[in-house]
Amino acid sequence: MPKIVDHEQRRRELAEALWRIIGEAGPAAVSIRSVAAEAGWSPGALRHYFRTREELLLFAMDLAEERATQRILDLDKTRSPHTPLLERAAEYAEQLLPLDRTRRAEYRAWEAAGTLGELDRDRERRWNSQRRLYRQLVAGLIGASVPDPFLPHPDPWVEEWSGYLHTHVDGLALQLVTTPGLIDADGARRRLRGFLARIQQARHHHDTR
């Protein structure tokens, strides 16, 4: 009787092996051979799923995006409807910061974007997906609606500060990974909330001019 292979389970095994390597040594350590060894497979068996190192890295980036998106969706299911707007925005944005082992591995997976170049055909979509989140966060902070999160916000102020927030979170993430002795998770959380408060203050000044 032929052996039944659970392909989804095998992909999960590879994903976890890939995750461990990236979390410990970054995308530079990823190869067909290293991931196969970590998963307890032969390189030939792994190539049934991923033919090249680049395909492995793209898979890691997709997995990082899926995990962060799922955490954001889960927040909506568990959070109190009375959570203040600033705290609500902070909890969303924190899902993209390397504040724990899982999110640190996700961030390191994103490092692959800088090495793949044109092979990463989804890079613009990924960037736009993040900008959509920041657009919604800034609008939510000031009680504004978002007619279509996939398009620039009709209020230029919201669009401008979405870009500032995007840059701020990316900068915090980089500092957490590259200078862990100078900024820790609690410090990053404080800075994030301070910047979100600054957005609310800036909007108040903008509206009362």
N, C-alpha and C. Protein backbone atom coordinates (compact mmCIF):
# COMPACT_ATOMS: atom_id res chain seq x y z
N MET A 1 0.85 -1.19 0.00
CA MET A 1 0.00 0.00 0.00
C MET A 1 0.89 1.25 0.00
N PRO A 2 0.68 2.20 -0.92
CA PRO A 2 1.55 3.38 -0.99
C PRO A 2 1.43 4.25 0.25
N LYS A 3 2.55 4.84 0.63
CA LYS A 3 2.58 5.69 1.81
C LYS A 3 1.90 7.04 1.49
N ILE A 4 1.02 7.47 2.37
CA ILE A 4 0.33 8.74 2.19
C ILE A 4 1.16 9.85 2.84
N VAL A 5 1.53 10.84 2.04
CA VAL A 5 2.36 11.93 2.52
C VAL A 5 1.48 13.15 2.83
N ASP A 6 1.60 13.66 4.02
CA ASP A 6 0.88 14.87 4.40
C ASP A 6 1.76 16.07 4.01
N HIS A 7 1.49 16.61 2.83
CA HIS A 7 2.35 17.68 2.32
C HIS A 7 2.27 18.93 3.18
N GLU A 8 1.11 19.22 3.71
CA GLU A 8 0.99 20.41 4.55
C GLU A 8 1.82 20.27 5.82
N GLN A 9 1.80 19.06 6.40
CA GLN A 9 2.60 18.81 7.59
C GLN A 9 4.08 18.94 7.27
N ARG A 10 4.50 18.45 6.12
CA ARG A 10 5.91 18.55 5.74
C ARG A 10 6.32 20.00 5.52
N ARG A 11 5.45 20.80 4.96
CA ARG A 11 5.76 22.22 4.79
C ARG A 11 5.87 22.91 6.15
N ARG A 12 5.02 22.50 7.10
CA ARG A 12 5.11 23.08 8.44
C ARG A 12 6.44 22.72 9.10
N GLU A 13 6.88 21.46 8.90
CA GLU A 13 8.18 21.04 9.45
C GLU A 13 9.30 21.89 8.88
N LEU A 14 9.24 22.13 7.59
CA LEU A 14 10.25 22.96 6.94
C LEU A 14 10.18 24.39 7.44
N ALA A 15 8.96 24.87 7.61
CA ALA A 15 8.78 26.24 8.08
C ALA A 15 9.41 26.42 9.46
N GLU A 16 9.19 25.47 10.35
CA GLU A 16 9.75 25.58 11.69
C GLU A 16 11.28 25.49 11.66
N ALA A 17 11.81 24.62 10.81
CA ALA A 17 13.27 24.51 10.68
C ALA A 17 13.85 25.81 10.14
N LEU A 18 13.21 26.34 9.13
CA LEU A 18 13.64 27.60 8.54
C LEU A 18 13.58 28.72 9.57
N TRP A 19 12.51 28.71 10.37
CA TRP A 19 12.31 29.73 11.40
C TRP A 19 13.42 29.69 12.43
N ARG A 20 13.80 28.48 12.84
CA ARG A 20 14.85 28.36 13.86
C ARG A 20 16.18 28.89 13.33
N ILE A 21 16.49 28.59 12.10
CA ILE A 21 17.76 29.07 11.52
C ILE A 21 17.77 30.58 11.42
N ILE A 22 16.69 31.16 10.91
CA ILE A 22 16.63 32.61 10.75
C ILE A 22 16.67 33.30 12.11
N GLY A 23 15.95 32.75 13.08
CA GLY A 23 15.93 33.35 14.40
C GLY A 23 17.28 33.34 15.08
N GLU A 24 18.08 32.32 14.82
CA GLU A 24 19.37 32.19 15.48
C GLU A 24 20.51 32.84 14.71
N ALA A 25 20.45 32.79 13.38
CA ALA A 25 21.59 33.25 12.59
C ALA A 25 21.25 34.18 11.44
N GLY A 26 19.95 34.45 11.23
CA GLY A 26 19.57 35.38 10.17
C GLY A 26 19.48 34.72 8.80
N PRO A 27 19.00 35.47 7.80
CA PRO A 27 18.79 34.88 6.47
C PRO A 27 20.07 34.45 5.78
N ALA A 28 21.21 35.02 6.18
CA ALA A 28 22.48 34.63 5.53
C ALA A 28 22.79 33.15 5.77
N ALA A 29 22.26 32.59 6.87
CA ALA A 29 22.53 31.18 7.20
C ALA A 29 21.61 30.21 6.48
N VAL A 30 20.62 30.73 5.76
CA VAL A 30 19.65 29.86 5.09
C VAL A 30 20.24 29.28 3.82
N SER A 31 20.14 27.99 3.68
CA SER A 31 20.52 27.29 2.45
C SER A 31 19.70 26.01 2.37
N ILE A 32 19.69 25.41 1.19
CA ILE A 32 19.00 24.12 1.04
C ILE A 32 19.57 23.12 2.03
N ARG A 33 20.88 23.11 2.16
CA ARG A 33 21.54 22.13 3.01
C ARG A 33 21.26 22.39 4.50
N SER A 34 21.33 23.67 4.92
CA SER A 34 21.16 23.97 6.34
C SER A 34 19.73 23.72 6.80
N VAL A 35 18.76 24.09 5.98
CA VAL A 35 17.36 23.88 6.36
C VAL A 35 17.03 22.39 6.35
N ALA A 36 17.55 21.66 5.37
CA ALA A 36 17.32 20.22 5.32
C ALA A 36 17.90 19.54 6.57
N ALA A 37 19.10 19.94 6.95
CA ALA A 37 19.73 19.34 8.13
C ALA A 37 18.94 19.65 9.40
N GLU A 38 18.48 20.89 9.52
CA GLU A 38 17.71 21.30 10.70
C GLU A 38 16.39 20.53 10.80
N ALA A 39 15.79 20.24 9.64
CA ALA A 39 14.51 19.53 9.61
C ALA A 39 14.69 18.02 9.67
N GLY A 40 15.94 17.54 9.55
CA GLY A 40 16.18 16.10 9.54
C GLY A 40 15.85 15.46 8.21
N TRP A 41 15.95 16.25 7.13
CA TRP A 41 15.66 15.76 5.79
C TRP A 41 16.95 15.68 4.99
N SER A 42 16.84 15.06 3.82
CA SER A 42 17.93 15.12 2.85
C SER A 42 17.71 16.35 1.96
N PRO A 43 18.78 16.96 1.42
CA PRO A 43 18.59 18.08 0.49
C PRO A 43 17.69 17.74 -0.69
N GLY A 44 17.78 16.49 -1.16
CA GLY A 44 16.94 16.08 -2.29
C GLY A 44 15.46 16.10 -1.94
N ALA A 45 15.12 15.66 -0.71
CA ALA A 45 13.72 15.67 -0.30
C ALA A 45 13.21 17.10 -0.17
N LEU A 46 14.04 17.99 0.35
CA LEU A 46 13.62 19.39 0.50
C LEU A 46 13.34 20.02 -0.86
N ARG A 47 14.13 19.65 -1.87
CA ARG A 47 13.96 20.27 -3.19
C ARG A 47 12.64 19.88 -3.86
N HIS A 48 11.93 18.93 -3.32
CA HIS A 48 10.58 18.66 -3.83
C HIS A 48 9.64 19.82 -3.50
N TYR A 49 10.01 20.60 -2.47
CA TYR A 49 9.17 21.71 -2.03
C TYR A 49 9.76 23.07 -2.39
N PHE A 50 11.07 23.18 -2.28
CA PHE A 50 11.75 24.44 -2.60
C PHE A 50 13.00 24.11 -3.42
N ARG A 51 13.05 24.63 -4.62
CA ARG A 51 14.16 24.29 -5.51
C ARG A 51 15.42 25.09 -5.23
N THR A 52 15.25 26.30 -4.68
CA THR A 52 16.40 27.18 -4.48
C THR A 52 16.35 27.84 -3.10
N ARG A 53 17.49 28.39 -2.71
CA ARG A 53 17.55 29.16 -1.47
C ARG A 53 16.62 30.36 -1.52
N GLU A 54 16.51 30.98 -2.69
CA GLU A 54 15.65 32.15 -2.83
C GLU A 54 14.18 31.80 -2.56
N GLU A 55 13.76 30.62 -3.01
CA GLU A 55 12.39 30.20 -2.74
C GLU A 55 12.17 30.00 -1.24
N LEU A 56 13.17 29.50 -0.54
CA LEU A 56 13.07 29.35 0.91
C LEU A 56 12.91 30.70 1.59
N LEU A 57 13.68 31.68 1.16
CA LEU A 57 13.61 33.00 1.77
C LEU A 57 12.28 33.67 1.50
N LEU A 58 11.76 33.52 0.28
CA LEU A 58 10.46 34.08 -0.03
C LEU A 58 9.38 33.43 0.83
N PHE A 59 9.52 32.13 1.04
CA PHE A 59 8.58 31.41 1.90
C PHE A 59 8.64 31.96 3.32
N ALA A 60 9.85 32.23 3.81
CA ALA A 60 10.01 32.77 5.16
C ALA A 60 9.35 34.15 5.27
N MET A 61 9.50 34.98 4.26
CA MET A 61 8.89 36.31 4.28
C MET A 61 7.37 36.21 4.27
N ASP A 62 6.85 35.30 3.45
CA ASP A 62 5.40 35.10 3.41
C ASP A 62 4.88 34.62 4.77
N LEU A 63 5.65 33.72 5.39
CA LEU A 63 5.25 33.19 6.69
C LEU A 63 5.25 34.29 7.75
N ALA A 64 6.26 35.15 7.71
CA ALA A 64 6.33 36.26 8.66
C ALA A 64 5.11 37.17 8.51
N GLU A 65 4.75 37.45 7.28
CA GLU A 65 3.60 38.31 7.03
C GLU A 65 2.31 37.65 7.52
N GLU A 66 2.16 36.36 7.26
CA GLU A 66 0.96 35.65 7.69
C GLU A 66 0.82 35.65 9.20
N ARG A 67 1.93 35.44 9.90
CA ARG A 67 1.88 35.38 11.36
C ARG A 67 1.51 36.74 11.96
N ALA A 68 2.13 37.79 11.44
CA ALA A 68 1.83 39.13 11.96
C ALA A 68 0.37 39.49 11.68
N THR A 69 -0.10 39.18 10.48
CA THR A 69 -1.49 39.47 10.13
C THR A 69 -2.46 38.73 11.04
N GLN A 70 -2.15 37.47 11.33
CA GLN A 70 -3.04 36.68 12.19
C GLN A 70 -3.08 37.24 13.60
N ARG A 71 -1.95 37.70 14.12
CA ARG A 71 -1.95 38.29 15.46
C ARG A 71 -2.81 39.55 15.50
N ILE A 72 -2.73 40.35 14.44
CA ILE A 72 -3.52 41.57 14.38
C ILE A 72 -5.01 41.22 14.35
N LEU A 73 -5.37 40.22 13.58
CA LEU A 73 -6.77 39.81 13.52
C LEU A 73 -7.23 39.25 14.87
N ASP A 74 -6.36 38.53 15.56
CA ASP A 74 -6.71 37.97 16.86
C ASP A 74 -6.96 39.06 17.90
N LEU A 75 -6.25 40.18 17.78
CA LEU A 75 -6.46 41.28 18.72
C LEU A 75 -7.91 41.76 18.70
N ASP A 76 -8.48 41.81 17.51
CA ASP A 76 -9.86 42.28 17.38
C ASP A 76 -10.85 41.36 18.08
N LYS A 77 -10.47 40.10 18.25
CA LYS A 77 -11.37 39.12 18.86
C LYS A 77 -11.31 39.16 20.39
N THR A 78 -10.18 39.58 20.94
CA THR A 78 -9.97 39.45 22.38
C THR A 78 -9.93 40.78 23.13
N ARG A 79 -9.72 41.87 22.43
CA ARG A 79 -9.53 43.14 23.10
C ARG A 79 -10.86 43.76 23.52
N SER A 80 -10.83 44.46 24.65
CA SER A 80 -12.04 45.14 25.14
C SER A 80 -12.41 46.29 24.20
N PRO A 81 -13.69 46.47 23.94
CA PRO A 81 -14.12 47.60 23.10
C PRO A 81 -13.86 48.95 23.76
N HIS A 82 -13.52 48.95 25.06
CA HIS A 82 -13.26 50.19 25.78
C HIS A 82 -11.78 50.57 25.79
N THR A 83 -10.95 49.79 25.09
CA THR A 83 -9.52 50.11 25.02
C THR A 83 -9.32 51.48 24.38
N PRO A 84 -8.55 52.38 25.00
CA PRO A 84 -8.33 53.71 24.42
C PRO A 84 -7.72 53.64 23.03
N LEU A 85 -7.99 54.65 22.21
CA LEU A 85 -7.53 54.65 20.83
C LEU A 85 -6.01 54.52 20.73
N LEU A 86 -5.30 55.23 21.59
CA LEU A 86 -3.83 55.18 21.53
C LEU A 86 -3.32 53.79 21.84
N GLU A 87 -3.86 53.17 22.88
CA GLU A 87 -3.42 51.82 23.25
C GLU A 87 -3.79 50.82 22.16
N ARG A 88 -4.92 51.01 21.55
CA ARG A 88 -5.36 50.13 20.47
C ARG A 88 -4.37 50.20 19.31
N ALA A 89 -3.99 51.42 18.93
CA ALA A 89 -3.03 51.60 17.83
C ALA A 89 -1.68 51.00 18.20
N ALA A 90 -1.27 51.18 19.46
CA ALA A 90 0.03 50.65 19.89
C ALA A 90 0.05 49.13 19.82
N GLU A 91 -1.01 48.49 20.24
CA GLU A 91 -1.06 47.02 20.21
C GLU A 91 -0.97 46.49 18.79
N TYR A 92 -1.60 47.19 17.86
CA TYR A 92 -1.47 46.78 16.46
C TYR A 92 -0.03 46.92 15.98
N ALA A 93 0.54 48.11 16.20
CA ALA A 93 1.89 48.38 15.69
C ALA A 93 2.92 47.46 16.31
N GLU A 94 2.71 47.08 17.58
CA GLU A 94 3.67 46.20 18.25
C GLU A 94 3.81 44.84 17.57
N GLN A 95 2.82 44.45 16.79
CA GLN A 95 2.91 43.15 16.12
C GLN A 95 3.99 43.14 15.05
N LEU A 96 4.46 44.32 14.66
CA LEU A 96 5.52 44.42 13.65
C LEU A 96 6.88 44.74 14.27
N LEU A 97 6.93 44.78 15.60
CA LEU A 97 8.20 45.04 16.29
C LEU A 97 8.78 43.73 16.83
N PRO A 98 10.11 43.55 16.75
CA PRO A 98 10.75 42.33 17.25
C PRO A 98 10.87 42.34 18.78
N LEU A 99 9.74 42.20 19.46
CA LEU A 99 9.70 42.32 20.91
C LEU A 99 9.87 40.99 21.63
N ASP A 100 9.83 39.90 20.91
CA ASP A 100 10.03 38.58 21.52
C ASP A 100 10.71 37.69 20.48
N ARG A 101 10.95 36.46 20.85
CA ARG A 101 11.70 35.55 19.98
C ARG A 101 11.00 35.33 18.64
N THR A 102 9.68 35.15 18.66
CA THR A 102 8.94 34.92 17.42
C THR A 102 9.00 36.12 16.51
N ARG A 103 8.72 37.30 17.06
CA ARG A 103 8.72 38.50 16.23
C ARG A 103 10.13 38.90 15.79
N ARG A 104 11.12 38.53 16.57
CA ARG A 104 12.50 38.79 16.16
C ARG A 104 12.85 37.95 14.93
N ALA A 105 12.42 36.68 14.93
CA ALA A 105 12.65 35.82 13.77
C ALA A 105 11.91 36.36 12.56
N GLU A 106 10.71 36.87 12.77
CA GLU A 106 9.95 37.45 11.66
C GLU A 106 10.69 38.65 11.07
N TYR A 107 11.21 39.49 11.96
CA TYR A 107 11.95 40.66 11.48
C TYR A 107 13.18 40.23 10.68
N ARG A 108 13.87 39.24 11.17
CA ARG A 108 15.07 38.78 10.47
C ARG A 108 14.72 38.14 9.13
N ALA A 109 13.53 37.55 9.05
CA ALA A 109 13.09 37.04 7.75
C ALA A 109 12.92 38.19 6.76
N TRP A 110 12.44 39.33 7.27
CA TRP A 110 12.27 40.49 6.40
C TRP A 110 13.60 41.02 5.89
N GLU A 111 14.70 40.73 6.58
CA GLU A 111 16.01 41.14 6.10
C GLU A 111 16.30 40.57 4.72
N ALA A 112 15.66 39.45 4.42
CA ALA A 112 15.89 38.81 3.12
C ALA A 112 15.48 39.70 1.97
N ALA A 113 14.55 40.62 2.22
CA ALA A 113 14.08 41.50 1.15
C ALA A 113 15.23 42.29 0.54
N GLY A 114 16.20 42.62 1.37
CA GLY A 114 17.33 43.39 0.86
C GLY A 114 18.31 42.59 0.03
N THR A 115 18.22 41.27 0.10
CA THR A 115 19.16 40.43 -0.64
C THR A 115 18.56 39.81 -1.89
N LEU A 116 17.23 39.81 -1.98
CA LEU A 116 16.58 39.13 -3.10
C LEU A 116 16.38 40.01 -4.32
N GLY A 117 16.32 41.32 -4.11
CA GLY A 117 16.19 42.23 -5.25
C GLY A 117 14.96 41.93 -6.09
N GLU A 118 15.16 41.84 -7.39
CA GLU A 118 14.06 41.65 -8.32
C GLU A 118 13.39 40.28 -8.17
N LEU A 119 14.05 39.35 -7.49
CA LEU A 119 13.44 38.04 -7.29
C LEU A 119 12.23 38.12 -6.36
N ASP A 120 12.20 39.14 -5.53
CA ASP A 120 11.06 39.34 -4.64
C ASP A 120 10.01 40.17 -5.37
N ARG A 121 9.15 39.50 -6.08
CA ARG A 121 8.15 40.19 -6.89
C ARG A 121 7.01 40.75 -6.08
N ASP A 122 6.95 40.37 -4.80
CA ASP A 122 5.87 40.84 -3.94
C ASP A 122 6.29 42.00 -3.05
N ARG A 123 7.49 42.54 -3.25
CA ARG A 123 7.98 43.54 -2.31
C ARG A 123 7.11 44.79 -2.29
N GLU A 124 6.61 45.22 -3.44
CA GLU A 124 5.75 46.41 -3.46
C GLU A 124 4.43 46.12 -2.76
N ARG A 125 3.90 44.91 -2.97
CA ARG A 125 2.66 44.55 -2.30
C ARG A 125 2.86 44.52 -0.79
N ARG A 126 3.98 43.97 -0.34
CA ARG A 126 4.25 43.90 1.09
C ARG A 126 4.35 45.31 1.69
N TRP A 127 5.06 46.18 1.00
CA TRP A 127 5.22 47.55 1.49
C TRP A 127 3.86 48.23 1.56
N ASN A 128 3.06 48.07 0.52
CA ASN A 128 1.73 48.69 0.50
C ASN A 128 0.82 48.11 1.58
N SER A 129 1.00 46.83 1.88
CA SER A 129 0.20 46.20 2.93
C SER A 129 0.51 46.84 4.29
N GLN A 130 1.80 47.10 4.55
CA GLN A 130 2.15 47.76 5.80
C GLN A 130 1.64 49.20 5.81
N ARG A 131 1.78 49.91 4.70
CA ARG A 131 1.31 51.29 4.66
C ARG A 131 -0.20 51.35 4.91
N ARG A 132 -0.92 50.35 4.41
CA ARG A 132 -2.36 50.30 4.65
C ARG A 132 -2.65 50.22 6.14
N LEU A 133 -1.88 49.39 6.87
CA LEU A 133 -2.08 49.29 8.31
C LEU A 133 -1.81 50.63 8.99
N TYR A 134 -0.71 51.29 8.65
CA TYR A 134 -0.37 52.56 9.30
C TYR A 134 -1.39 53.64 8.96
N ARG A 135 -1.92 53.59 7.76
CA ARG A 135 -2.97 54.54 7.35
C ARG A 135 -4.20 54.36 8.26
N GLN A 136 -4.54 53.11 8.53
CA GLN A 136 -5.69 52.84 9.40
C GLN A 136 -5.41 53.24 10.84
N LEU A 137 -4.16 53.02 11.30
CA LEU A 137 -3.82 53.37 12.68
C LEU A 137 -3.88 54.88 12.90
N VAL A 138 -3.31 55.65 11.98
CA VAL A 138 -3.32 57.10 12.14
C VAL A 138 -4.75 57.63 12.08
N ALA A 139 -5.53 57.13 11.14
CA ALA A 139 -6.92 57.56 11.05
C ALA A 139 -7.68 57.20 12.32
N GLY A 140 -7.44 56.01 12.86
CA GLY A 140 -8.10 55.59 14.08
C GLY A 140 -7.73 56.46 15.27
N LEU A 141 -6.46 56.89 15.33
CA LEU A 141 -6.01 57.73 16.44
C LEU A 141 -6.77 59.05 16.52
N ILE A 142 -7.19 59.57 15.37
CA ILE A 142 -7.84 60.88 15.36
C ILE A 142 -9.35 60.76 15.08
N GLY A 143 -9.84 59.51 15.07
CA GLY A 143 -11.27 59.30 14.87
C GLY A 143 -11.74 59.56 13.46
N ALA A 144 -10.84 59.39 12.48
CA ALA A 144 -11.20 59.61 11.08
C ALA A 144 -11.56 58.28 10.42
N SER A 145 -12.35 58.33 9.38
CA SER A 145 -12.70 57.13 8.63
C SER A 145 -11.63 56.85 7.58
N VAL A 146 -11.65 55.64 7.06
CA VAL A 146 -10.73 55.26 5.98
C VAL A 146 -11.58 54.73 4.84
N PRO A 147 -11.89 55.57 3.84
CA PRO A 147 -12.77 55.13 2.75
C PRO A 147 -12.26 53.89 2.03
N ASP A 148 -10.95 53.86 1.75
CA ASP A 148 -10.35 52.71 1.08
C ASP A 148 -8.89 52.63 1.53
N PRO A 149 -8.57 51.68 2.44
CA PRO A 149 -7.20 51.61 2.98
C PRO A 149 -6.15 51.29 1.94
N PHE A 150 -6.56 50.81 0.76
CA PHE A 150 -5.59 50.47 -0.27
C PHE A 150 -5.17 51.69 -1.10
N LEU A 151 -5.85 52.82 -0.89
CA LEU A 151 -5.55 54.04 -1.64
C LEU A 151 -5.06 55.12 -0.69
N PRO A 152 -4.28 56.08 -1.18
CA PRO A 152 -3.88 57.20 -0.33
C PRO A 152 -5.10 57.85 0.33
N HIS A 153 -4.95 58.22 1.59
CA HIS A 153 -6.08 58.79 2.32
C HIS A 153 -6.47 60.14 1.72
N PRO A 154 -7.77 60.44 1.63
CA PRO A 154 -8.18 61.72 1.06
C PRO A 154 -7.72 62.93 1.88
N ASP A 155 -7.39 62.71 3.16
CA ASP A 155 -6.84 63.78 3.99
C ASP A 155 -5.32 63.70 3.90
N PRO A 156 -4.65 64.66 3.25
CA PRO A 156 -3.18 64.59 3.10
C PRO A 156 -2.45 64.50 4.43
N TRP A 157 -3.03 65.07 5.49
CA TRP A 157 -2.39 65.00 6.81
C TRP A 157 -2.28 63.55 7.28
N VAL A 158 -3.36 62.79 7.13
CA VAL A 158 -3.35 61.38 7.53
C VAL A 158 -2.31 60.62 6.72
N GLU A 159 -2.25 60.87 5.43
CA GLU A 159 -1.29 60.17 4.58
C GLU A 159 0.14 60.51 4.99
N GLU A 160 0.40 61.79 5.28
CA GLU A 160 1.74 62.20 5.68
C GLU A 160 2.17 61.53 6.98
N TRP A 161 1.30 61.55 7.97
CA TRP A 161 1.66 60.97 9.27
C TRP A 161 1.66 59.44 9.24
N SER A 162 0.97 58.84 8.30
CA SER A 162 1.09 57.38 8.11
C SER A 162 2.51 57.03 7.71
N GLY A 163 3.08 57.86 6.85
CA GLY A 163 4.47 57.64 6.46
C GLY A 163 5.43 57.83 7.62
N TYR A 164 5.18 58.85 8.45
CA TYR A 164 6.04 59.07 9.62
C TYR A 164 5.97 57.88 10.58
N LEU A 165 4.75 57.37 10.81
CA LEU A 165 4.59 56.24 11.73
C LEU A 165 5.27 55.00 11.16
N HIS A 166 5.12 54.77 9.88
CA HIS A 166 5.78 53.64 9.21
C HIS A 166 7.29 53.70 9.44
N THR A 167 7.87 54.88 9.21
CA THR A 167 9.31 55.06 9.38
C THR A 167 9.71 54.89 10.84
N HIS A 168 8.90 55.40 11.77
CA HIS A 168 9.22 55.30 13.19
C HIS A 168 9.25 53.84 13.65
N VAL A 169 8.24 53.07 13.26
CA VAL A 169 8.19 51.66 13.68
C VAL A 169 9.35 50.88 13.05
N ASP A 170 9.63 51.13 11.78
CA ASP A 170 10.77 50.46 11.15
C ASP A 170 12.07 50.80 11.87
N GLY A 171 12.22 52.07 12.27
CA GLY A 171 13.43 52.47 12.99
C GLY A 171 13.55 51.81 14.34
N LEU A 172 12.44 51.73 15.07
CA LEU A 172 12.46 51.03 16.36
C LEU A 172 12.84 49.57 16.18
N ALA A 173 12.27 48.93 15.16
CA ALA A 173 12.57 47.52 14.91
C ALA A 173 14.06 47.32 14.64
N LEU A 174 14.63 48.20 13.82
CA LEU A 174 16.05 48.09 13.51
C LEU A 174 16.90 48.28 14.76
N GLN A 175 16.56 49.24 15.59
CA GLN A 175 17.32 49.47 16.82
C GLN A 175 17.23 48.27 17.77
N LEU A 176 16.06 47.68 17.87
CA LEU A 176 15.90 46.53 18.75
C LEU A 176 16.80 45.36 18.35
N VAL A 177 17.01 45.21 17.04
CA VAL A 177 17.83 44.10 16.55
C VAL A 177 19.32 44.43 16.56
N THR A 178 19.66 45.65 16.20
CA THR A 178 21.08 45.99 16.04
C THR A 178 21.72 46.56 17.29
N THR A 179 20.93 47.15 18.19
CA THR A 179 21.50 47.72 19.43
C THR A 179 20.68 47.28 20.64
N PRO A 180 20.57 45.97 20.85
CA PRO A 180 19.72 45.47 21.94
C PRO A 180 20.17 45.93 23.32
N GLY A 181 21.43 46.29 23.47
CA GLY A 181 21.90 46.75 24.77
C GLY A 181 21.50 48.18 25.07
N LEU A 182 21.06 48.91 24.06
CA LEU A 182 20.71 50.32 24.23
C LEU A 182 19.21 50.57 24.26
N ILE A 183 18.44 49.65 23.72
CA ILE A 183 16.99 49.75 23.78
C ILE A 183 16.41 48.36 23.96
N ASP A 184 15.48 48.24 24.90
CA ASP A 184 14.84 46.94 25.13
C ASP A 184 13.36 47.03 24.77
N ALA A 185 12.64 45.94 24.97
CA ALA A 185 11.24 45.88 24.56
C ALA A 185 10.40 46.94 25.28
N ASP A 186 10.63 47.12 26.59
CA ASP A 186 9.85 48.12 27.32
C ASP A 186 10.15 49.53 26.81
N GLY A 187 11.41 49.79 26.52
CA GLY A 187 11.78 51.09 25.99
C GLY A 187 11.14 51.34 24.64
N ALA A 188 11.11 50.32 23.80
CA ALA A 188 10.48 50.46 22.48
C ALA A 188 8.99 50.72 22.62
N ARG A 189 8.35 50.05 23.56
CA ARG A 189 6.91 50.26 23.78
C ARG A 189 6.65 51.71 24.23
N ARG A 190 7.50 52.22 25.11
CA ARG A 190 7.32 53.60 25.58
C ARG A 190 7.51 54.59 24.43
N ARG A 191 8.53 54.36 23.62
CA ARG A 191 8.77 55.26 22.50
C ARG A 191 7.63 55.23 21.49
N LEU A 192 7.11 54.05 21.25
CA LEU A 192 6.00 53.92 20.32
C LEU A 192 4.79 54.71 20.82
N ARG A 193 4.46 54.54 22.09
CA ARG A 193 3.30 55.24 22.63
C ARG A 193 3.53 56.75 22.68
N GLY A 194 4.78 57.15 22.93
CA GLY A 194 5.09 58.56 22.91
C GLY A 194 4.89 59.16 21.52
N PHE A 195 5.27 58.43 20.50
CA PHE A 195 5.10 58.93 19.15
C PHE A 195 3.63 58.97 18.76
N LEU A 196 2.87 57.97 19.17
CA LEU A 196 1.43 57.97 18.88
C LEU A 196 0.74 59.15 19.56
N ALA A 197 1.17 59.46 20.79
CA ALA A 197 0.62 60.63 21.48
C ALA A 197 0.99 61.90 20.72
N ARG A 198 2.19 61.92 20.17
CA ARG A 198 2.62 63.09 19.39
C ARG A 198 1.74 63.25 18.15
N ILE A 199 1.32 62.17 17.55
CA ILE A 199 0.43 62.25 16.38
C ILE A 199 -0.89 62.89 16.79
N GLN A 200 -1.43 62.45 17.91
CA GLN A 200 -2.70 63.03 18.37
C GLN A 200 -2.55 64.52 18.67
N GLN A 201 -1.43 64.90 19.29
CA GLN A 201 -1.20 66.31 19.59
C GLN A 201 -1.06 67.13 18.31
N ALA A 202 -0.34 66.57 17.35
CA ALA A 202 -0.13 67.27 16.08
C ALA A 202 -1.47 67.49 15.36
N ARG A 203 -2.34 66.52 15.45
CA ARG A 203 -3.64 66.68 14.82
C ARG A 203 -4.46 67.77 15.52
N HIS A 204 -4.37 67.79 16.83
CA HIS A 204 -5.11 68.81 17.58
C HIS A 204 -4.64 70.21 17.17
N HIS A 205 -3.32 70.38 17.08
CA HIS A 205 -2.79 71.69 16.66
C HIS A 205 -3.22 72.02 15.23
N HIS A 206 -3.23 70.99 14.39
CA HIS A 206 -3.62 71.18 12.99
C HIS A 206 -5.07 71.65 12.90
N ASP A 207 -5.95 71.07 13.71
CA ASP A 207 -7.37 71.39 13.64
C ASP A 207 -7.73 72.71 14.30
N THR A 208 -6.88 73.20 15.20
CA THR A 208 -7.20 74.42 15.94
C THR A 208 -6.44 75.65 15.43
N ARG A 209 -5.73 75.48 14.33
CA ARG A 209 -5.01 76.64 13.77
C ARG A 209 -5.98 77.65 13.18
